[in-house]
Amino acid sequence: MKTRRAVLTALASLTALGLLTACGSGDAAVGEIKPEGQKDTGINVSPNQNRVHTAKVDAIAAKLPAAVRERGTLILGVSAKSNPPLAFRATDDKTLIGVEVDLATLVADTLGLKPEFNPVSWENLFVGLDSGKYDGVFSNVTVTEERKDKYDFATYRLDDLAFEAKKGSGWTVKGPEDVSGKRIAVGSGTNQEKILVDWSRQNEKAGRKGVDIKYYDNTTDYYLALQSGRIDGYLGPNPTVAYHVASAGQTEAVGKFSGAGAGLQGKIAATTKKDSGLVAAYAAAIDHIVENGTYAQVLKRWGLDNEAVQKSEINPPGLPRTKN
């Protein structure tokens, strides 16, 4: 069951993005959205975020490589696509807001650094890490065994995926056989794509039809295709699916799964180039904000309390490698 906070947050975010119209009224001056019939407002989606902050911890900052510590900034990659409540644009269509931005800011605060966010496409997040352009990525990146070959991870959220379909579809997804022959959209290069491709192969091996996988450039394109009947479903991060379901009122979640596949809970993590010397500092900073309560404040603000971790893990088991 969705909390009232989550629904209000969803309405605020989707209205600000233009994905939900005629469902609420907003005060353009302050950027707060007030759903019809409600006396209290939803989340602030203006550029003036009044973010939760925390103080520098010298002992944790000392774990940073000297070059990063002396530079004074933490250069981070985030997704350029609008994915509320993860990362999206405020009402000025410029300022980045969302749970990923807020948590990264808390980590930077703890390390005594100013965060410098670079919004880019998904594939360029990893290009930036590989080239050394970014100190890290906070962008809903799931720990996978293949990624661990090239990157180090410090976990900060649980990772769940969800299938979304038109409301009243009568469709429930419990396993590979339930997506046989279906047209399903998914983000290219994501772990959800990897899982869907694996399910399609399992179906074909069992003599069933595979999955007709579709790709679109933007989140809004997925939903237009879903409403027009060009696809049967969309597989994406559970937080974004939950937001859209709660806000638009035209779709439903028809299946929820761990982002690490069967038998293992997926984890979202701060991602850095392998052996960059940064992962221990990230993990210590995450542990600190968990302990001082600012982490919980951020998750509560975005309606993601159920994705909290008790401690950051460095390079835990992730989504298994693809079997040939």
Foldseek 3Di string as FASTA:
>chain_A
DADPLQLLQLQLQCVLVVNFPPQWDDDVVQSWTCGPPDPDTHARQALPRPADEDAEDVVLLVLADPVQLVVQEAEEEEAQAAQPQQWAHGNVRPHIHHLLVRVVRRLCRHNRHHYDYDHDHPVVRVVCQVVVVGQWYRYQAWQAPVVVVWKKWWFWWWWKKFKKAWPPPPAADDALVSQFPFEEEEEPPHLVVVRLQVSQVVQVVVVTHGHNYDYDDHPVVRVVCRVVVVGGIYMDTPSRRSSCCSHHVGMDTRYMGASQDPPDTITGTIMHTPPNSCNSSSQVSSQVCLVVVSSCVSCVSNSNNVTGDNGIDMNDHGRYDDDD
